[in-house]
PDB file of N, CA and C in Angstrom:
ATOM      1  N   UNK A   1       0.825  -1.194   0.000  1.00  0.00           N
ATOM      2  CA  UNK A   1       0.000   0.000   0.000  1.00  0.00           C
ATOM      3  C   UNK A   1       0.872   1.260   0.000  1.00  0.00           C
ATOM      4  N   UNK A   2       1.906   1.268   0.829  1.00  0.00           N
ATOM      5  CA  UNK A   2       2.786   2.439   0.896  1.00  0.00           C
ATOM      6  C   UNK A   2       3.512   2.643  -0.427  1.00  0.00           C
ATOM      7  N   UNK A   3       3.853   1.531  -1.067  1.00  0.00           N
ATOM      8  CA  UNK A   3       4.553   1.635  -2.353  1.00  0.00           C
ATOM      9  C   UNK A   3       3.648   2.260  -3.415  1.00  0.00           C
ATOM     10  N   UNK A   4       2.374   1.858  -3.448  1.00  0.00           N
ATOM     11  CA  UNK A   4       1.430   2.439  -4.403  1.00  0.00           C
ATOM     12  C   UNK A   4       1.234   3.925  -4.131  1.00  0.00           C
ATOM     13  N   UNK A   5       1.127   4.275  -2.868  1.00  0.00           N
ATOM     14  CA  UNK A   5       0.964   5.681  -2.506  1.00  0.00           C
ATOM     15  C   UNK A   5       2.183   6.491  -2.932  1.00  0.00           C
ATOM     16  N   UNK A   6       3.373   5.946  -2.724  1.00  0.00           N
ATOM     17  CA  UNK A   6       4.602   6.631  -3.131  1.00  0.00           C
ATOM     18  C   UNK A   6       4.656   6.804  -4.644  1.00  0.00           C
ATOM     19  N   UNK A   7       4.266   5.767  -5.367  1.00  0.00           N
ATOM     20  CA  UNK A   7       4.270   5.838  -6.830  1.00  0.00           C
ATOM     21  C   UNK A   7       3.250   6.869  -7.322  1.00  0.00           C
ATOM     22  N   UNK A   8       2.068   6.883  -6.739  1.00  0.00           N
ATOM     23  CA  UNK A   8       1.042   7.855  -7.102  1.00  0.00           C
ATOM     24  C   UNK A   8       1.522   9.271  -6.797  1.00  0.00           C
ATOM     25  N   UNK A   9       2.141   9.476  -5.667  1.00  0.00           N
ATOM     26  CA  UNK A   9       2.684  10.785  -5.294  1.00  0.00           C
ATOM     27  C   UNK A   9       3.736  11.236  -6.310  1.00  0.00           C
ATOM     28  N   UNK A  10       4.618  10.332  -6.704  1.00  0.00           N
ATOM     29  CA  UNK A  10       5.663  10.654  -7.685  1.00  0.00           C
ATOM     30  C   UNK A  10       5.045  11.069  -9.024  1.00  0.00           C
ATOM     31  N   UNK A  11       4.064  10.324  -9.491  1.00  0.00           N
ATOM     32  CA  UNK A  11       3.432  10.632 -10.781  1.00  0.00           C
ATOM     33  C   UNK A  11       2.725  11.979 -10.722  1.00  0.00           C
ATOM     34  N   UNK A  12       1.977  12.240  -9.671  1.00  0.00           N
ATOM     35  CA  UNK A  12       1.286  13.527  -9.541  1.00  0.00           C
ATOM     36  C   UNK A  12       2.273  14.683  -9.427  1.00  0.00           C
ATOM     37  N   UNK A  13       3.364  14.480  -8.725  1.00  0.00           N
ATOM     38  CA  UNK A  13       4.391  15.518  -8.608  1.00  0.00           C
ATOM     39  C   UNK A  13       5.014  15.820  -9.966  1.00  0.00           C
ATOM     40  N   UNK A  14       5.273  14.792 -10.740  1.00  0.00           N
ATOM     41  CA  UNK A  14       5.869  14.973 -12.066  1.00  0.00           C
ATOM     42  C   UNK A  14       4.957  15.815 -12.955  1.00  0.00           C
ATOM     43  N   UNK A  15       3.661  15.509 -12.976  1.00  0.00           N
ATOM     44  CA  UNK A  15       2.738  16.274 -13.817  1.00  0.00           C
ATOM     45  C   UNK A  15       2.572  17.704 -13.319  1.00  0.00           C
ATOM     46  N   UNK A  16       2.607  17.913 -12.021  1.00  0.00           N
ATOM     47  CA  UNK A  16       2.514  19.263 -11.473  1.00  0.00           C
ATOM     48  C   UNK A  16       3.727  20.091 -11.866  1.00  0.00           C
ATOM     49  N   UNK A  17       4.903  19.517 -11.759  1.00  0.00           N
ATOM     50  CA  UNK A  17       6.130  20.226 -12.148  1.00  0.00           C
ATOM     51  C   UNK A  17       6.109  20.531 -13.642  1.00  0.00           C
ATOM     52  N   UNK A  18       5.709  19.572 -14.451  1.00  0.00           N
ATOM     53  CA  UNK A  18       5.661  19.780 -15.905  1.00  0.00           C
ATOM     54  C   UNK A  18       4.650  20.862 -16.268  1.00  0.00           C
ATOM     55  N   UNK A  19       3.540  20.901 -15.530  1.00  0.00           N
ATOM     56  CA  UNK A  19       2.501  21.883 -15.826  1.00  0.00           C
ATOM     57  C   UNK A  19       2.969  23.302 -15.530  1.00  0.00           C
ATOM     58  N   UNK A  20       3.763  23.484 -14.501  1.00  0.00           N
ATOM     59  CA  UNK A  20       4.207  24.813 -14.109  1.00  0.00           C
ATOM     60  C   UNK A  20       5.598  25.172 -14.626  1.00  0.00           C
ATOM     61  N   UNK A  21       6.183  24.332 -15.431  1.00  0.00           N
ATOM     62  CA  UNK A  21       7.521  24.642 -15.929  1.00  0.00           C
ATOM     63  C   UNK A  21       7.466  25.803 -16.908  1.00  0.00           C
ATOM     64  N   UNK A  22       8.537  26.578 -16.935  1.00  0.00           N
ATOM     65  CA  UNK A  22       8.632  27.720 -17.830  1.00  0.00           C
ATOM     66  C   UNK A  22       9.634  27.375 -18.919  1.00  0.00           C
ATOM     67  N   UNK A  23       9.127  27.040 -20.088  1.00  0.00           N
ATOM     68  CA  UNK A  23      10.046  26.657 -21.140  1.00  0.00           C
ATOM     69  C   UNK A  23       9.739  27.330 -22.469  1.00  0.00           C
ATOM     70  N   UNK A  24       8.808  28.262 -22.493  1.00  0.00           N
ATOM     71  CA  UNK A  24       8.467  28.942 -23.735  1.00  0.00           C
ATOM     72  C   UNK A  24       9.520  29.961 -24.125  1.00  0.00           C
ATOM     73  N   UNK A  25       9.703  30.131 -25.437  1.00  0.00           N
ATOM     74  CA  UNK A  25      10.698  31.068 -25.962  1.00  0.00           C
ATOM     75  C   UNK A  25      10.086  31.861 -27.112  1.00  0.00           C
ATOM     76  N   UNK A  26      10.321  33.175 -27.101  1.00  0.00           N
ATOM     77  CA  UNK A  26      10.024  34.028 -28.252  1.00  0.00           C
ATOM     78  C   UNK A  26      11.365  34.565 -28.719  1.00  0.00           C
ATOM     79  N   UNK A  27      11.666  34.357 -29.991  1.00  0.00           N
ATOM     80  CA  UNK A  27      12.962  34.787 -30.518  1.00  0.00           C
ATOM     81  C   UNK A  27      12.777  35.343 -31.921  1.00  0.00           C
ATOM     82  N   UNK A  28      13.753  36.126 -32.360  1.00  0.00           N
ATOM     83  CA  UNK A  28      13.664  36.646 -33.714  1.00  0.00           C
ATOM     84  C   UNK A  28      14.648  37.762 -33.964  1.00  0.00           C
ATOM     85  N   UNK A  29      14.369  38.539 -35.014  1.00  0.00           N
ATOM     86  CA  UNK A  29      15.220  39.646 -35.427  1.00  0.00           C
ATOM     87  C   UNK A  29      14.355  40.868 -35.696  1.00  0.00           C
ATOM     88  N   UNK A  30      14.817  42.022 -35.230  1.00  0.00           N
ATOM     89  CA  UNK A  30      14.137  43.293 -35.478  1.00  0.00           C
ATOM     90  C   UNK A  30      14.987  44.080 -36.466  1.00  0.00           C
ATOM     91  N   UNK A  31      14.372  44.502 -37.583  1.00  0.00           N
ATOM     92  CA  UNK A  31      15.119  45.198 -38.631  1.00  0.00           C
ATOM     93  C   UNK A  31      14.469  46.527 -38.999  1.00  0.00           C
ATOM     94  N   UNK A  32      15.239  47.365 -39.684  1.00  0.00           N
ATOM     95  CA  UNK A  32      14.784  48.649 -40.218  1.00  0.00           C
ATOM     96  C   UNK A  32      14.064  48.396 -41.543  1.00  0.00           C
ATOM     97  N   UNK A  33      12.896  49.018 -41.738  1.00  0.00           N
ATOM     98  CA  UNK A  33      12.116  48.775 -42.952  1.00  0.00           C
ATOM     99  C   UNK A  33      12.766  49.345 -44.204  1.00  0.00           C
ATOM    100  N   UNK A  34      13.613  50.355 -44.057  1.00  0.00           N
ATOM    101  CA  UNK A  34      14.225  50.991 -45.223  1.00  0.00           C
ATOM    102  C   UNK A  34      15.559  50.356 -45.620  1.00  0.00           C
ATOM    103  N   UNK A  35      16.317  49.890 -44.644  1.00  0.00           N
ATOM    104  CA  UNK A  35      17.656  49.358 -44.939  1.00  0.00           C
ATOM    105  C   UNK A  35      17.770  47.848 -44.756  1.00  0.00           C
ATOM    106  N   UNK A  36      16.789  47.229 -44.124  1.00  0.00           N
ATOM    107  CA  UNK A  36      16.819  45.799 -43.783  1.00  0.00           C
ATOM    108  C   UNK A  36      17.970  45.431 -42.861  1.00  0.00           C
ATOM    109  N   UNK A  37      18.561  46.401 -42.195  1.00  0.00           N
ATOM    110  CA  UNK A  37      19.623  46.130 -41.225  1.00  0.00           C
ATOM    111  C   UNK A  37      19.007  45.880 -39.855  1.00  0.00           C
ATOM    112  N   UNK A  38      19.675  45.031 -39.062  1.00  0.00           N
ATOM    113  CA  UNK A  38      19.222  44.775 -37.708  1.00  0.00           C
ATOM    114  C   UNK A  38      19.342  46.024 -36.851  1.00  0.00           C
ATOM    115  N   UNK A  39      18.352  46.241 -35.982  1.00  0.00           N
ATOM    116  CA  UNK A  39      18.368  47.400 -35.090  1.00  0.00           C
ATOM    117  C   UNK A  39      19.021  47.016 -33.768  1.00  0.00           C
ATOM    118  N   UNK A  40      20.118  47.669 -33.442  1.00  0.00           N
ATOM    119  CA  UNK A  40      20.863  47.396 -32.212  1.00  0.00           C
ATOM    120  C   UNK A  40      20.172  48.089 -31.047  1.00  0.00           C
ATOM    121  N   UNK A  41      19.811  47.347 -30.022  1.00  0.00           N
ATOM    122  CA  UNK A  41      19.241  47.935 -28.815  1.00  0.00           C
ATOM    123  C   UNK A  41      17.747  48.174 -28.856  1.00  0.00           C
ATOM    124  N   UNK A  42      17.036  47.572 -29.809  1.00  0.00           N
ATOM    125  CA  UNK A  42      15.574  47.662 -29.803  1.00  0.00           C
ATOM    126  C   UNK A  42      15.056  46.921 -28.569  1.00  0.00           C
ATOM    127  N   UNK A  43      13.959  47.400 -28.006  1.00  0.00           N
ATOM    128  CA  UNK A  43      13.410  46.837 -26.777  1.00  0.00           C
ATOM    129  C   UNK A  43      12.233  45.925 -27.096  1.00  0.00           C
ATOM    130  N   UNK A  44      12.237  44.739 -26.506  1.00  0.00           N
ATOM    131  CA  UNK A  44      11.144  43.783 -26.652  1.00  0.00           C
ATOM    132  C   UNK A  44      10.675  43.430 -25.247  1.00  0.00           C
ATOM    133  N   UNK A  45       9.402  43.732 -24.938  1.00  0.00           N
ATOM    134  CA  UNK A  45       8.870  43.547 -23.587  1.00  0.00           C
ATOM    135  C   UNK A  45       7.524  42.838 -23.669  1.00  0.00           C
ATOM    136  N   UNK A  46       7.268  41.943 -22.708  1.00  0.00           N
ATOM    137  CA  UNK A  46       5.949  41.344 -22.564  1.00  0.00           C
ATOM    138  C   UNK A  46       5.085  42.366 -21.832  1.00  0.00           C
ATOM    139  N   UNK A  47       4.028  42.848 -22.489  1.00  0.00           N
ATOM    140  CA  UNK A  47       3.179  43.896 -21.926  1.00  0.00           C
ATOM    141  C   UNK A  47       2.591  43.464 -20.585  1.00  0.00           C
ATOM    142  N   UNK A  48       2.664  44.356 -19.601  1.00  0.00           N
ATOM    143  CA  UNK A  48       2.113  44.090 -18.280  1.00  0.00           C
ATOM    144  C   UNK A  48       3.018  43.285 -17.369  1.00  0.00           C
ATOM    145  N   UNK A  49       4.255  43.033 -17.793  1.00  0.00           N
ATOM    146  CA  UNK A  49       5.206  42.284 -16.966  1.00  0.00           C
ATOM    147  C   UNK A  49       6.532  43.033 -16.920  1.00  0.00           C
ATOM    148  N   UNK A  50       7.468  42.461 -16.192  1.00  0.00           N
ATOM    149  CA  UNK A  50       8.824  43.012 -16.163  1.00  0.00           C
ATOM    150  C   UNK A  50       9.765  42.196 -17.047  1.00  0.00           C
ATOM    151  N   UNK A  51       9.211  41.256 -17.806  1.00  0.00           N
ATOM    152  CA  UNK A  51      10.040  40.420 -18.683  1.00  0.00           C
ATOM    153  C   UNK A  51      10.297  41.142 -19.996  1.00  0.00           C
ATOM    154  N   UNK A  52      11.573  41.243 -20.331  1.00  0.00           N
ATOM    155  CA  UNK A  52      11.929  41.895 -21.575  1.00  0.00           C
ATOM    156  C   UNK A  52      13.394  41.696 -21.894  1.00  0.00           C
ATOM    157  N   UNK A  53      13.794  42.197 -23.051  1.00  0.00           N
ATOM    158  CA  UNK A  53      15.174  42.085 -23.492  1.00  0.00           C
ATOM    159  C   UNK A  53      15.441  43.161 -24.534  1.00  0.00           C
ATOM    160  N   UNK A  54      16.694  43.249 -24.959  1.00  0.00           N
ATOM    161  CA  UNK A  54      17.056  44.150 -26.050  1.00  0.00           C
ATOM    162  C   UNK A  54      17.775  43.348 -27.129  1.00  0.00           C
ATOM    163  N   UNK A  55      17.779  43.897 -28.329  1.00  0.00           N
ATOM    164  CA  UNK A  55      18.429  43.202 -29.437  1.00  0.00           C
ATOM    165  C   UNK A  55      19.940  43.373 -29.384  1.00  0.00           C
ATOM    166  N   UNK A  56      20.649  42.415 -29.989  1.00  0.00           N
ATOM    167  CA  UNK A  56      22.108  42.465 -30.048  1.00  0.00           C
ATOM    168  C   UNK A  56      22.562  43.277 -31.268  1.00  0.00           C
ATOM    169  N   UNK A  57      23.829  43.172 -31.628  1.00  0.00           N
ATOM    170  CA  UNK A  57      24.397  43.954 -32.728  1.00  0.00           C
ATOM    171  C   UNK A  57      23.775  43.638 -34.088  1.00  0.00           C
ATOM    172  N   UNK A  58      23.194  42.464 -34.227  1.00  0.00           N
ATOM    173  CA  UNK A  58      22.572  42.073 -35.494  1.00  0.00           C
ATOM    174  C   UNK A  58      21.052  42.203 -35.471  1.00  0.00           C
ATOM    175  N   UNK A  59      20.499  42.702 -34.350  1.00  0.00           N
ATOM    176  CA  UNK A  59      19.053  42.832 -34.226  1.00  0.00           C
ATOM    177  C   UNK A  59      18.363  41.590 -33.703  1.00  0.00           C
ATOM    178  N   UNK A  60      19.127  40.598 -33.243  1.00  0.00           N
ATOM    179  CA  UNK A  60      18.566  39.348 -32.730  1.00  0.00           C
ATOM    180  C   UNK A  60      18.218  39.468 -31.249  1.00  0.00           C
ATOM    181  N   UNK A  61      17.202  38.715 -30.832  1.00  0.00           N
ATOM    182  CA  UNK A  61      16.801  38.710 -29.418  1.00  0.00           C
ATOM    183  C   UNK A  61      16.197  37.353 -29.075  1.00  0.00           C
ATOM    184  N   UNK A  62      16.063  37.096 -27.780  1.00  0.00           N
ATOM    185  CA  UNK A  62      15.372  35.897 -27.294  1.00  0.00           C
ATOM    186  C   UNK A  62      14.796  36.191 -25.918  1.00  0.00           C
ATOM    187  N   UNK A  63      13.498  35.983 -25.775  1.00  0.00           N
ATOM    188  CA  UNK A  63      12.826  36.033 -24.477  1.00  0.00           C
ATOM    189  C   UNK A  63      12.629  34.585 -24.046  1.00  0.00           C
ATOM    190  N   UNK A  64      13.219  34.204 -22.923  1.00  0.00           N
ATOM    191  CA  UNK A  64      13.187  32.808 -22.492  1.00  0.00           C
ATOM    192  C   UNK A  64      12.429  32.656 -21.179  1.00  0.00           C
ATOM    193  N   UNK A  65      12.210  31.417 -20.793  1.00  0.00           N
ATOM    194  CA  UNK A  65      11.546  31.058 -19.535  1.00  0.00           C
ATOM    195  C   UNK A  65      10.148  31.653 -19.425  1.00  0.00           C
ATOM    196  N   UNK A  66       9.367  31.529 -20.492  1.00  0.00           N
ATOM    197  CA  UNK A  66       7.994  32.024 -20.496  1.00  0.00           C
ATOM    198  C   UNK A  66       7.026  30.867 -20.275  1.00  0.00           C
ATOM    199  N   UNK A  67       5.979  31.126 -19.517  1.00  0.00           N
ATOM    200  CA  UNK A  67       4.912  30.142 -19.382  1.00  0.00           C
ATOM    201  C   UNK A  67       4.147  30.067 -20.695  1.00  0.00           C
ATOM    202  N   UNK A  68       3.537  28.921 -20.961  1.00  0.00           N
ATOM    203  CA  UNK A  68       2.710  28.828 -22.156  1.00  0.00           C
ATOM    204  C   UNK A  68       1.505  29.742 -21.993  1.00  0.00           C
ATOM    205  N   UNK A  69       1.067  30.331 -23.087  1.00  0.00           N
ATOM    206  CA  UNK A  69      -0.063  31.245 -23.049  1.00  0.00           C
ATOM    207  C   UNK A  69       0.047  32.280 -24.152  1.00  0.00           C
ATOM    208  N   UNK A  70      -0.857  33.244 -24.127  1.00  0.00           N
ATOM    209  CA  UNK A  70      -0.884  34.301 -25.129  1.00  0.00           C
ATOM    210  C   UNK A  70      -0.395  35.594 -24.502  1.00  0.00           C
ATOM    211  N   UNK A  71       0.516  36.268 -25.194  1.00  0.00           N
ATOM    212  CA  UNK A  71       1.127  37.493 -24.690  1.00  0.00           C
ATOM    213  C   UNK A  71       1.038  38.601 -25.731  1.00  0.00           C
ATOM    214  N   UNK A  72       0.990  39.844 -25.252  1.00  0.00           N
ATOM    215  CA  UNK A  72       1.165  41.006 -26.110  1.00  0.00           C
ATOM    216  C   UNK A  72       2.623  41.425 -25.993  1.00  0.00           C
ATOM    217  N   UNK A  73       3.341  41.376 -27.112  1.00  0.00           N
ATOM    218  CA  UNK A  73       4.756  41.719 -27.146  1.00  0.00           C
ATOM    219  C   UNK A  73       4.890  43.134 -27.699  1.00  0.00           C
ATOM    220  N   UNK A  74       5.553  44.005 -26.921  1.00  0.00           N
ATOM    221  CA  UNK A  74       5.756  45.397 -27.324  1.00  0.00           C
ATOM    222  C   UNK A  74       7.175  45.528 -27.870  1.00  0.00           C
ATOM    223  N   UNK A  75       7.280  45.985 -29.122  1.00  0.00           N
ATOM    224  CA  UNK A  75       8.576  46.178 -29.776  1.00  0.00           C
ATOM    225  C   UNK A  75       8.752  47.665 -30.018  1.00  0.00           C
ATOM    226  N   UNK A  76       9.856  48.234 -29.504  1.00  0.00           N
ATOM    227  CA  UNK A  76      10.053  49.676 -29.667  1.00  0.00           C
ATOM    228  C   UNK A  76      11.528  50.003 -29.847  1.00  0.00           C
ATOM    229  N   UNK A  77      11.745  51.160 -30.464  1.00  0.00           N
ATOM    230  CA  UNK A  77      13.092  51.659 -30.716  1.00  0.00           C
ATOM    231  C   UNK A  77      12.982  53.165 -30.909  1.00  0.00           C
ATOM    232  N   UNK A  78      13.976  53.900 -30.455  1.00  0.00           N
ATOM    233  CA  UNK A  78      13.947  55.360 -30.538  1.00  0.00           C
ATOM    234  C   UNK A  78      13.797  55.793 -31.991  1.00  0.00           C
ATOM    235  N   UNK A  79      12.887  56.694 -32.239  1.00  0.00           N
ATOM    236  CA  UNK A  79      12.551  57.292 -33.538  1.00  0.00           C
ATOM    237  C   UNK A  79      11.951  56.294 -34.529  1.00  0.00           C
ATOM    238  N   UNK A  80      11.363  55.200 -34.009  1.00  0.00           N
ATOM    239  CA  UNK A  80      10.633  54.241 -34.838  1.00  0.00           C
ATOM    240  C   UNK A  80       9.248  54.043 -34.240  1.00  0.00           C
ATOM    241  N   UNK A  81       8.284  53.653 -35.080  1.00  0.00           N
ATOM    242  CA  UNK A  81       6.938  53.370 -34.593  1.00  0.00           C
ATOM    243  C   UNK A  81       6.956  52.166 -33.656  1.00  0.00           C
ATOM    244  N   UNK A  82       6.264  52.294 -32.519  1.00  0.00           N
ATOM    245  CA  UNK A  82       6.126  51.170 -31.590  1.00  0.00           C
ATOM    246  C   UNK A  82       5.091  50.199 -32.143  1.00  0.00           C
ATOM    247  N   UNK A  83       5.321  48.908 -31.922  1.00  0.00           N
ATOM    248  CA  UNK A  83       4.426  47.870 -32.421  1.00  0.00           C
ATOM    249  C   UNK A  83       4.058  46.947 -31.269  1.00  0.00           C
ATOM    250  N   UNK A  84       2.784  46.534 -31.224  1.00  0.00           N
ATOM    251  CA  UNK A  84       2.336  45.536 -30.250  1.00  0.00           C
ATOM    252  C   UNK A  84       1.805  44.346 -31.041  1.00  0.00           C
ATOM    253  N   UNK A  85       2.377  43.167 -30.772  1.00  0.00           N
ATOM    254  CA  UNK A  85       2.028  41.949 -31.502  1.00  0.00           C
ATOM    255  C   UNK A  85       1.554  40.901 -30.505  1.00  0.00           C
ATOM    256  N   UNK A  86       0.416  40.263 -30.795  1.00  0.00           N
ATOM    257  CA  UNK A  86      -0.070  39.185 -29.932  1.00  0.00           C
ATOM    258  C   UNK A  86       0.588  37.874 -30.371  1.00  0.00           C
ATOM    259  N   UNK A  87       1.162  37.164 -29.397  1.00  0.00           N
ATOM    260  CA  UNK A  87       1.912  35.939 -29.683  1.00  0.00           C
ATOM    261  C   UNK A  87       1.428  34.829 -28.760  1.00  0.00           C
ATOM    262  N   UNK A  88       1.208  33.644 -29.329  1.00  0.00           N
ATOM    263  CA  UNK A  88       0.838  32.472 -28.533  1.00  0.00           C
ATOM    264  C   UNK A  88       2.088  31.626 -28.325  1.00  0.00           C
ATOM    265  N   UNK A  89       2.449  31.422 -27.060  1.00  0.00           N
ATOM    266  CA  UNK A  89       3.660  30.681 -26.704  1.00  0.00           C
ATOM    267  C   UNK A  89       3.279  29.279 -26.259  1.00  0.00           C
ATOM    268  N   UNK A  90       3.972  28.302 -26.826  1.00  0.00           N
ATOM    269  CA  UNK A  90       3.790  26.906 -26.440  1.00  0.00           C
ATOM    270  C   UNK A  90       5.132  26.320 -26.050  1.00  0.00           C
ATOM    271  N   UNK A  91       5.263  25.033 -26.238  1.00  0.00           N
ATOM    272  CA  UNK A  91       6.520  24.372 -25.893  1.00  0.00           C
ATOM    273  C   UNK A  91       7.594  24.584 -26.946  1.00  0.00           C
ATOM    274  N   UNK A  92       7.196  24.836 -28.182  1.00  0.00           N
ATOM    275  CA  UNK A  92       8.158  25.080 -29.257  1.00  0.00           C
ATOM    276  C   UNK A  92       8.509  26.565 -29.304  1.00  0.00           C
ATOM    277  N   UNK A  93       9.744  26.919 -29.641  1.00  0.00           N
ATOM    278  CA  UNK A  93      10.118  28.337 -29.759  1.00  0.00           C
ATOM    279  C   UNK A  93       9.280  29.048 -30.826  1.00  0.00           C
ATOM    280  N   UNK A  94       8.891  30.283 -30.526  1.00  0.00           N
ATOM    281  CA  UNK A  94       8.128  31.108 -31.466  1.00  0.00           C
ATOM    282  C   UNK A  94       9.097  32.074 -32.131  1.00  0.00           C
ATOM    283  N   UNK A  95       9.128  32.085 -33.464  1.00  0.00           N
ATOM    284  CA  UNK A  95       9.968  33.024 -34.203  1.00  0.00           C
ATOM    285  C   UNK A  95       9.139  34.255 -34.545  1.00  0.00           C
ATOM    286  N   UNK A  96       9.555  35.398 -34.011  1.00  0.00           N
ATOM    287  CA  UNK A  96       8.867  36.661 -34.261  1.00  0.00           C
ATOM    288  C   UNK A  96       9.879  37.645 -34.829  1.00  0.00           C
ATOM    289  N   UNK A  97       9.951  37.691 -36.148  1.00  0.00           N
ATOM    290  CA  UNK A  97      10.795  38.665 -36.835  1.00  0.00           C
ATOM    291  C   UNK A  97       9.903  39.841 -37.199  1.00  0.00           C
ATOM    292  N   UNK A  98      10.410  41.053 -36.979  1.00  0.00           N
ATOM    293  CA  UNK A  98       9.578  42.217 -37.263  1.00  0.00           C
ATOM    294  C   UNK A  98      10.416  43.339 -37.843  1.00  0.00           C
ATOM    295  N   UNK A  99       9.798  44.103 -38.741  1.00  0.00           N
ATOM    296  CA  UNK A  99      10.441  45.246 -39.373  1.00  0.00           C
ATOM    297  C   UNK A  99       9.778  46.513 -38.860  1.00  0.00           C
ATOM    298  N   UNK A 100      10.572  47.419 -38.287  1.00  0.00           N
ATOM    299  CA  UNK A 100      10.041  48.677 -37.759  1.00  0.00           C
ATOM    300  C   UNK A 100      10.201  49.795 -38.779  1.00  0.00           C
ATOM    301  N   UNK A 101       9.207  50.697 -38.786  1.00  0.00           N
ATOM    302  CA  UNK A 101       9.235  51.843 -39.695  1.00  0.00           C
ATOM    303  C   UNK A 101       9.693  53.085 -38.936  1.00  0.00           C
ATOM    304  N   UNK A 102      10.587  53.870 -39.539  1.00  0.00           N
ATOM    305  CA  UNK A 102      11.026  55.121 -38.898  1.00  0.00           C
ATOM    306  C   UNK A 102       9.849  56.081 -38.720  1.00  0.00           C
ATOM    307  N   UNK A 103       9.882  56.839 -37.633  1.00  0.00           N
ATOM    308  CA  UNK A 103       8.860  57.837 -37.351  1.00  0.00           C
ATOM    309  C   UNK A 103       9.371  59.204 -37.763  1.00  0.00           C
ATOM    310  N   UNK A 104       8.509  59.984 -38.399  1.00  0.00           N
ATOM    311  CA  UNK A 104       8.858  61.357 -38.728  1.00  0.00           C
ATOM    312  C   UNK A 104       8.341  62.244 -37.608  1.00  0.00           C
ATOM    313  N   UNK A 105       9.238  63.007 -37.027  1.00  0.00           N
ATOM    314  CA  UNK A 105       8.864  63.901 -35.938  1.00  0.00           C
ATOM    315  C   UNK A 105       8.927  65.325 -36.462  1.00  0.00           C
ATOM    316  N   UNK A 106       7.798  66.003 -36.432  1.00  0.00           N
ATOM    317  CA  UNK A 106       7.753  67.387 -36.905  1.00  0.00           C
ATOM    318  C   UNK A 106       7.628  68.344 -35.731  1.00  0.00           C
ATOM    319  N   UNK A 107       8.266  69.485 -35.854  1.00  0.00           N
ATOM    320  CA  UNK A 107       8.144  70.515 -34.821  1.00  0.00           C
ATOM    321  C   UNK A 107       7.783  71.829 -35.495  1.00  0.00           C
ATOM    322  N   UNK A 108       7.202  72.724 -34.716  1.00  0.00           N
ATOM    323  CA  UNK A 108       6.888  74.053 -35.233  1.00  0.00           C
ATOM    324  C   UNK A 108       8.178  74.808 -35.489  1.00  0.00           C
ATOM    325  N   UNK A 109       8.039  75.880 -36.247  1.00  0.00           N
ATOM    326  CA  UNK A 109       9.229  76.665 -36.566  1.00  0.00           C
ATOM    327  C   UNK A 109       9.802  77.291 -35.305  1.00  0.00           C
ATOM    328  N   UNK A 110      11.104  77.405 -35.283  1.00  0.00           N
ATOM    329  CA  UNK A 110      11.811  77.965 -34.136  1.00  0.00           C
ATOM    330  C   UNK A 110      12.420  79.293 -34.561  1.00  0.00           C
ATOM    331  N   UNK A 111      12.159  80.330 -33.759  1.00  0.00           N
ATOM    332  CA  UNK A 111      12.708  81.654 -34.044  1.00  0.00           C
ATOM    333  C   UNK A 111      13.704  81.992 -32.949  1.00  0.00           C
ATOM    334  N   UNK A 112      14.915  82.353 -33.351  1.00  0.00           N
ATOM    335  CA  UNK A 112      15.953  82.731 -32.406  1.00  0.00           C
ATOM    336  C   UNK A 112      16.158  84.234 -32.512  1.00  0.00           C
ATOM    337  N   UNK A 113      15.991  84.929 -31.395  1.00  0.00           N
ATOM    338  CA  UNK A 113      16.180  86.385 -31.370  1.00  0.00           C
ATOM    339  C   UNK A 113      17.331  86.723 -30.446  1.00  0.00           C
ATOM    340  N   UNK A 114      17.955  87.819 -30.802  1.00  0.00           N
ATOM    341  CA  UNK A 114      19.063  88.277 -29.981  1.00  0.00           C
ATOM    342  C   UNK A 114      18.617  89.351 -29.040  1.00  0.00           C
TER     343      UNK A 114
END
């Protein structure tokens, strides 16, 4: 009887650990829409969390240790349009490559007087 109870406990523990494991990955490359070059230092954040990363010298990134589920991923870079993409994370890595468009910033005329 004790052996069966121990075996049942082991099996239930295994499924509980597997259910709560964090093994999801979102990875990809962020590039400029005009030059197709990777953007160095672009920010990729899971909306509503503190999980995020920045791109490397080639525009590559990887968000690791994510629970399975659906996330809103915020991609931003200085002087480029911010993008929010909904991504479903499972056990297999998700490839999210995205191209950002430069933002045009206009200001009113500036008058300098002496």
